[in-house]
Amino acid sequence: MKQIKMGCTTLDIPAMALGIMRMDKKTIPEAQVAIQAAYDAGINFIDSADIYGGGKSEEIFDKALKQMHLKREDLFIQSKTGIVPGKRYDFSKKHILQSVDGILDRMQIDYLDSLVLHRPDALMDPEEVAEAFDALQASGKVRFFGVSNFDSAQFELLQNSLSQRLMFNQLQFGLKHTGMIDFGMHMNMADDSSIDRDGQFLDYARLHRVTVQAWSPFQYGMFEGTFINNDGFPKLNAELQKLADKYNVGKNAIAAAWILCHPANIQMLVGSMNPKHIQDSAKGADIQLTRQEWYDLYLASGNFLA
């Protein structure tokens, strides 16, 4: 598995992580198979959130891990907090601290390698977040910190108050969610693709050495479904298949390779619980598409160049 540097550190992490959002729907044996498939492919980075399955995903993960040969120290475990489902976003010190305790209890672990704030809270007080992060780090409950779906200004506002460097920003990115790169190639144009909806965060991340974690990489829209083997995207699937045949892999690997070929050193979150999909996706880390192949996929996904 290709390794990348985590944020501004010298710590190596895999270019892919296993997201366990859908683990709540799996039996313990099924969860074990998914975790093992990822680990065997070199993916030892786990991404969770306190809201996944109402906490059940983390409980299933704990039970599955206890019955495996893997140890806590074999894995980099990350979880997210900040969403109170259907009610509010909450970055208060009290909520952050209570949420971490809940995560650790459900996963039956002593610490998180990383805690990520899950979507921006309009009422965020950076100083209050800083107090929570300091307390979590001092207690040994969290090693590193990050955010999710922040634009550059929001990221900078929070970073300015923290004693820790933010390592991650989770953003949706993939062949059917290309806004982070569209606007740059449509600079000084008046079409819809020229609109910057992300605060130029991909460029910001490269300048400040922040690891972008790409979520839902194979989805179109937010959660409408996957574009892979979807009859609604014939041109894209034809191009994926052509390159899959060339590199002797599946379509997932090619779609993953497209993301990982970007020079920002993006970490891709694999959200599938299907061991075959996990294993095929992982192969994408070892594929270096040509520049023309990368652009051919970009165009086949429905984008255009001037």
Protein backbone atom coordinates (compact mmCIF):
# COMPACT_ATOMS: atom_id res chain seq x y z
CA MET A 1 0.00 0.00 0.00
CA LYS A 2 1.29 3.42 -0.97
CA GLN A 3 2.22 5.50 2.07
CA ILE A 4 1.80 9.26 2.47
CA LYS A 5 2.93 11.68 5.15
CA MET A 6 0.28 12.64 7.69
CA GLY A 7 -0.22 16.38 7.53
CA CYS A 8 2.94 18.28 8.47
CA THR A 9 4.49 15.30 10.25
CA THR A 10 6.98 12.65 9.16
CA LEU A 11 4.52 9.90 10.17
CA ASP A 12 3.59 7.52 7.35
CA ILE A 13 -0.05 6.56 6.91
CA PRO A 14 -1.65 4.46 4.16
CA ALA A 15 -3.07 6.27 1.15
CA MET A 16 -6.41 4.61 1.95
CA ALA A 17 -8.47 4.26 5.11
CA LEU A 18 -11.41 1.98 5.88
CA GLY A 19 -14.56 3.92 6.73
CA ILE A 20 -16.92 1.95 8.97
CA MET A 21 -20.12 3.98 8.50
CA ARG A 22 -21.95 0.90 7.19
CA MET A 23 -20.57 -1.54 9.76
CA ASP A 24 -23.71 -1.28 11.90
CA LYS A 25 -25.55 -3.31 9.25
CA LYS A 26 -23.03 -6.16 9.42
CA THR A 27 -22.74 -9.18 11.65
CA ILE A 28 -19.59 -9.54 13.71
CA PRO A 29 -18.15 -12.19 11.34
CA GLU A 30 -18.92 -9.96 8.33
CA ALA A 31 -17.22 -7.03 10.03
CA GLN A 32 -14.18 -9.18 10.73
CA VAL A 33 -13.92 -10.13 7.07
CA ALA A 34 -14.05 -6.47 6.01
CA ILE A 35 -11.44 -5.39 8.56
CA GLN A 36 -9.14 -8.29 7.61
CA ALA A 37 -9.52 -7.61 3.89
CA ALA A 38 -8.49 -4.01 4.45
CA TYR A 39 -5.59 -4.92 6.73
CA ASP A 40 -4.29 -7.56 4.32
CA ALA A 41 -4.32 -4.90 1.58
CA GLY A 42 -2.21 -2.58 3.74
CA ILE A 43 -5.09 -0.46 5.06
CA ASN A 44 -4.59 -0.20 8.81
CA PHE A 45 -6.26 3.22 9.16
CA ILE A 46 -9.85 3.12 10.48
CA ASP A 47 -12.26 6.06 10.10
CA SER A 48 -15.42 6.22 12.20
CA ALA A 49 -17.87 8.76 13.67
CA ASP A 50 -19.97 8.80 16.79
CA ILE A 51 -23.16 9.06 14.71
CA TYR A 52 -22.51 6.03 12.50
CA GLY A 53 -25.42 3.70 13.15
CA GLY A 54 -26.18 5.69 16.28
CA GLY A 55 -22.94 4.35 17.74
CA LYS A 56 -23.57 0.76 16.71
CA SER A 57 -20.83 0.79 14.05
CA GLU A 58 -18.24 1.41 16.74
CA GLU A 59 -19.72 -1.29 18.98
CA ILE A 60 -19.61 -3.84 16.15
CA PHE A 61 -16.04 -2.81 15.36
CA ASP A 62 -15.02 -3.43 18.97
CA LYS A 63 -16.62 -6.87 19.08
CA ALA A 64 -15.13 -7.84 15.73
CA LEU A 65 -11.62 -6.68 16.67
CA LYS A 66 -11.69 -8.59 19.95
CA GLN A 67 -12.15 -11.84 18.03
CA MET A 68 -9.32 -11.16 15.59
CA HIS A 69 -5.56 -11.54 15.80
CA LEU A 70 -5.09 -7.79 15.33
CA LYS A 71 -4.12 -5.60 18.26
CA ARG A 72 -5.17 -2.04 18.99
CA GLU A 73 -1.60 -0.93 18.28
CA ASP A 74 -1.81 -2.43 14.78
CA LEU A 75 -4.36 0.19 13.78
CA PHE A 76 -4.62 3.96 13.44
CA ILE A 77 -8.14 4.67 14.72
CA GLN A 78 -9.90 7.93 13.93
CA SER A 79 -13.41 9.02 14.84
CA LYS A 80 -15.49 12.14 14.36
CA THR A 81 -17.83 14.17 16.54
CA GLY A 82 -19.91 17.33 16.34
CA ILE A 83 -23.22 16.25 14.77
CA VAL A 84 -26.28 15.85 16.98
CA PRO A 85 -28.57 14.08 14.45
CA GLY A 86 -31.57 16.12 13.39
CA LYS A 87 -30.92 18.78 16.02
CA ARG A 88 -27.70 20.72 15.65
CA TYR A 89 -23.95 20.78 15.14
CA ASP A 90 -22.13 21.08 18.46
CA PHE A 91 -18.48 22.00 18.96
CA SER A 92 -18.92 22.95 22.60
CA LYS A 93 -16.23 21.77 24.99
CA LYS A 94 -18.76 19.73 26.95
CA HIS A 95 -20.06 17.93 23.86
CA ILE A 96 -16.60 17.19 22.46
CA LEU A 97 -15.34 15.75 25.75
CA GLN A 98 -18.46 13.67 26.36
CA SER A 99 -18.44 12.39 22.78
CA VAL A 100 -14.85 11.21 22.99
CA ASP A 101 -15.60 9.35 26.21
CA GLY A 102 -18.53 7.69 24.45
CA ILE A 103 -16.41 6.71 21.45
CA LEU A 104 -13.69 5.21 23.62
CA ASP A 105 -16.28 3.29 25.62
CA ARG A 106 -18.03 1.89 22.54
CA MET A 107 -14.77 0.90 20.86
CA GLN A 108 -13.23 -0.29 24.15
CA ILE A 109 -9.96 1.52 23.53
CA ASP A 110 -7.89 3.89 25.68
CA TYR A 111 -7.21 6.54 23.06
CA LEU A 112 -7.99 7.77 19.56
CA ASP A 113 -5.15 8.34 17.16
CA SER A 114 -7.18 11.16 15.64
CA LEU A 115 -10.36 13.11 16.41
CA VAL A 116 -12.09 14.98 13.58
CA LEU A 117 -14.77 17.66 13.98
CA HIS A 118 -17.68 16.57 11.82
CA ARG A 119 -19.03 19.48 9.69
CA PRO A 120 -18.70 23.17 10.66
CA ASP A 121 -20.69 24.45 13.64
CA ALA A 122 -21.92 28.01 13.01
CA LEU A 123 -21.66 28.65 16.77
CA MET A 124 -18.07 27.40 17.00
CA ASP A 125 -15.93 29.25 19.53
CA PRO A 126 -12.33 28.45 18.55
CA GLU A 127 -11.05 29.12 22.08
CA GLU A 128 -13.55 26.65 23.51
CA VAL A 129 -12.53 24.01 20.98
CA ALA A 130 -8.90 24.68 21.90
CA GLU A 131 -9.68 24.01 25.56
CA ALA A 132 -11.30 20.70 24.64
CA PHE A 133 -8.38 19.65 22.42
CA ASP A 134 -5.83 20.57 25.09
CA ALA A 135 -7.72 18.54 27.70
CA LEU A 136 -8.00 15.53 25.40
CA GLN A 137 -4.34 15.61 24.46
CA ALA A 138 -3.17 16.13 28.06
CA SER A 139 -5.25 13.17 29.23
CA GLY A 140 -3.84 10.95 26.48
CA LYS A 141 -7.28 10.33 24.99
CA VAL A 142 -6.47 11.85 21.56
CA ARG A 143 -3.13 12.11 19.75
CA PHE A 144 -3.99 14.19 16.66
CA PHE A 145 -6.85 16.37 15.45
CA GLY A 146 -8.60 17.32 12.23
CA VAL A 147 -11.83 18.66 10.75
CA SER A 148 -14.36 17.70 8.12
CA ASN A 149 -15.95 19.80 5.37
CA PHE A 150 -14.22 23.05 6.40
CA ASP A 151 -13.32 25.70 3.85
CA SER A 152 -9.98 27.48 4.04
CA ALA A 153 -11.20 30.40 6.16
CA GLN A 154 -12.99 28.16 8.66
CA PHE A 155 -9.90 25.97 8.90
CA GLU A 156 -7.61 28.97 9.44
CA LEU A 157 -9.96 30.50 12.04
CA LEU A 158 -9.84 27.36 14.17
CA GLN A 159 -6.16 26.67 13.59
CA ASN A 160 -5.29 30.16 14.81
CA SER A 161 -6.54 29.31 18.33
CA LEU A 162 -5.09 25.81 18.64
CA SER A 163 -1.81 24.69 20.16
CA GLN A 164 -1.98 21.60 17.93
CA ARG A 165 -1.65 21.51 14.14
CA LEU A 166 -4.78 20.26 12.40
CA MET A 167 -3.77 17.20 10.37
CA PHE A 168 -6.87 16.43 8.31
CA ASN A 169 -9.82 17.87 6.45
CA GLN A 170 -12.38 15.40 5.13
CA LEU A 171 -13.95 16.55 1.86
CA GLN A 172 -16.00 14.74 -0.74
CA PHE A 173 -13.89 14.15 -3.83
CA GLY A 174 -14.08 11.68 -6.70
CA LEU A 175 -14.87 11.38 -10.37
CA LYS A 176 -18.45 12.59 -9.86
CA HIS A 177 -17.56 15.25 -7.29
CA THR A 178 -14.78 17.29 -8.86
CA GLY A 179 -15.60 20.82 -7.70
CA MET A 180 -12.31 21.24 -5.87
CA ILE A 181 -10.43 21.13 -9.17
CA ASP A 182 -13.08 22.35 -11.63
CA PHE A 183 -12.95 26.00 -10.67
CA GLY A 184 -9.19 26.18 -11.07
CA MET A 185 -9.33 24.97 -14.66
CA HIS A 186 -12.24 27.33 -15.34
CA MET A 187 -10.49 30.37 -13.89
CA ASN A 188 -11.67 33.65 -15.46
CA MET A 189 -14.68 31.95 -17.04
CA ALA A 190 -18.38 32.57 -16.37
CA ASP A 191 -19.73 29.01 -16.38
CA ASP A 192 -20.94 27.08 -13.34
CA SER A 193 -17.71 25.12 -13.09
CA SER A 194 -15.79 28.33 -12.40
CA ILE A 195 -17.49 28.75 -9.01
CA ASP A 196 -15.26 28.03 -6.03
CA ARG A 197 -17.40 26.21 -3.46
CA ASP A 198 -14.58 24.94 -1.25
CA GLY A 199 -12.51 28.02 -0.45
CA GLN A 200 -9.65 26.76 -2.63
CA PHE A 201 -8.98 24.19 0.05
CA LEU A 202 -7.03 21.75 -2.09
CA ASP A 203 -4.46 24.45 -2.86
CA TYR A 204 -4.53 25.55 0.79
CA ALA A 205 -3.85 21.97 1.90
CA ARG A 206 -0.79 21.73 -0.34
CA LEU A 207 0.58 25.05 0.90
CA HIS A 208 0.04 24.21 4.58
CA ARG A 209 0.64 20.43 4.44
CA VAL A 210 -2.81 19.30 5.47
CA THR A 211 -3.98 15.81 4.52
CA VAL A 212 -7.26 15.86 2.59
CA GLN A 213 -9.31 12.73 3.25
CA ALA A 214 -11.64 12.04 0.32
CA TRP A 215 -15.00 10.68 1.47
CA SER A 216 -17.61 8.91 -0.68
CA PRO A 217 -15.10 8.65 -3.54
CA PHE A 218 -17.34 6.44 -5.70
CA GLN A 219 -20.61 8.27 -5.05
CA TYR A 220 -22.48 10.72 -7.24
CA GLY A 221 -24.29 13.52 -5.46
CA MET A 222 -23.93 13.03 -1.73
CA PHE A 223 -25.53 9.66 -1.03
CA GLU A 224 -27.52 8.99 -4.20
CA GLY A 225 -25.48 5.92 -5.05
CA THR A 226 -22.31 4.75 -6.73
CA PHE A 227 -21.45 5.61 -10.31
CA ILE A 228 -19.53 2.37 -10.79
CA ASN A 229 -21.50 -0.13 -12.90
CA ASN A 230 -24.38 2.35 -12.94
CA ASP A 231 -26.26 2.46 -16.28
CA GLY A 232 -26.77 6.18 -15.76
CA PHE A 233 -23.09 6.81 -16.46
CA PRO A 234 -22.27 4.76 -19.58
CA LYS A 235 -19.39 6.89 -20.88
CA LEU A 236 -17.60 6.96 -17.53
CA ASN A 237 -18.03 3.23 -16.98
CA ALA A 238 -16.75 2.48 -20.47
CA GLU A 239 -13.60 4.49 -19.76
CA LEU A 240 -13.19 2.85 -16.36
CA GLN A 241 -13.52 -0.58 -17.95
CA LYS A 242 -11.01 0.22 -20.69
CA LEU A 243 -8.40 1.18 -18.11
CA ALA A 244 -9.35 -1.68 -15.79
CA ASP A 245 -8.62 -4.08 -18.63
CA LYS A 246 -5.31 -2.36 -19.33
CA TYR A 247 -4.13 -2.54 -15.70
CA ASN A 248 -5.77 -5.90 -14.96
CA VAL A 249 -7.87 -4.60 -12.07
CA GLY A 250 -11.51 -3.72 -11.41
CA LYS A 251 -13.22 -0.38 -11.91
CA ASN A 252 -12.92 0.52 -8.24
CA ALA A 253 -9.13 0.46 -8.53
CA ILE A 254 -9.17 2.84 -11.49
CA ALA A 255 -11.56 5.26 -9.79
CA ALA A 256 -9.31 5.15 -6.73
CA ALA A 257 -6.16 5.64 -8.79
CA TRP A 258 -7.69 8.77 -10.33
CA ILE A 259 -7.99 10.34 -6.87
CA LEU A 260 -4.60 9.22 -5.61
CA CYS A 261 -2.79 10.43 -8.73
CA HIS A 262 -3.47 14.02 -7.67
CA PRO A 263 -0.23 15.54 -6.29
CA ALA A 264 -1.93 16.76 -3.08
CA ASN A 265 -1.23 13.36 -1.46
CA ILE A 266 -4.89 12.72 -0.75
CA GLN A 267 -5.95 9.88 1.53
CA MET A 268 -9.02 8.08 0.19
CA LEU A 269 -11.69 6.72 2.54
CA VAL A 270 -13.03 3.34 1.40
CA GLY A 271 -16.56 3.08 2.77
CA SER A 272 -17.43 -0.36 1.43
CA MET A 273 -17.90 -3.41 3.65
CA ASN A 274 -17.58 -5.71 0.63
CA PRO A 275 -14.17 -7.43 0.89
CA LYS A 276 -13.85 -7.74 -2.90
CA HIS A 277 -14.51 -4.03 -3.35
CA ILE A 278 -12.05 -3.19 -0.57
CA GLN A 279 -9.34 -5.34 -2.12
CA ASP A 280 -9.91 -3.99 -5.62
CA SER A 281 -9.97 -0.39 -4.42
CA ALA A 282 -6.67 -0.95 -2.63
CA LYS A 283 -5.01 -1.94 -5.90
CA GLY A 284 -5.59 1.60 -7.13
CA ALA A 285 -2.86 2.85 -4.81
CA ASP A 286 -0.29 1.06 -6.95
CA ILE A 287 -1.53 2.38 -10.30
CA GLN A 288 0.00 5.49 -11.81
CA LEU A 289 -2.33 6.67 -14.53
CA THR A 290 -0.85 8.66 -17.38
CA ARG A 291 -1.79 12.32 -17.55
CA GLN A 292 -3.94 11.61 -20.60
CA GLU A 293 -5.73 8.73 -18.86
CA TRP A 294 -6.43 10.98 -15.88
CA TYR A 295 -7.93 13.66 -18.10
CA ASP A 296 -9.84 11.10 -20.16
CA LEU A 297 -11.58 9.95 -16.97
CA TYR A 298 -12.24 13.53 -15.93
CA LEU A 299 -13.90 14.26 -19.25
CA ALA A 300 -15.80 10.96 -19.30
CA SER A 301 -17.33 11.86 -15.95
CA GLY A 302 -19.15 14.75 -17.62
CA ASN A 303 -16.67 17.59 -17.20
CA PHE A 304 -15.33 19.77 -20.00
CA LEU A 305 -12.27 21.85 -20.71
CA ALA A 306 -12.13 25.17 -22.51
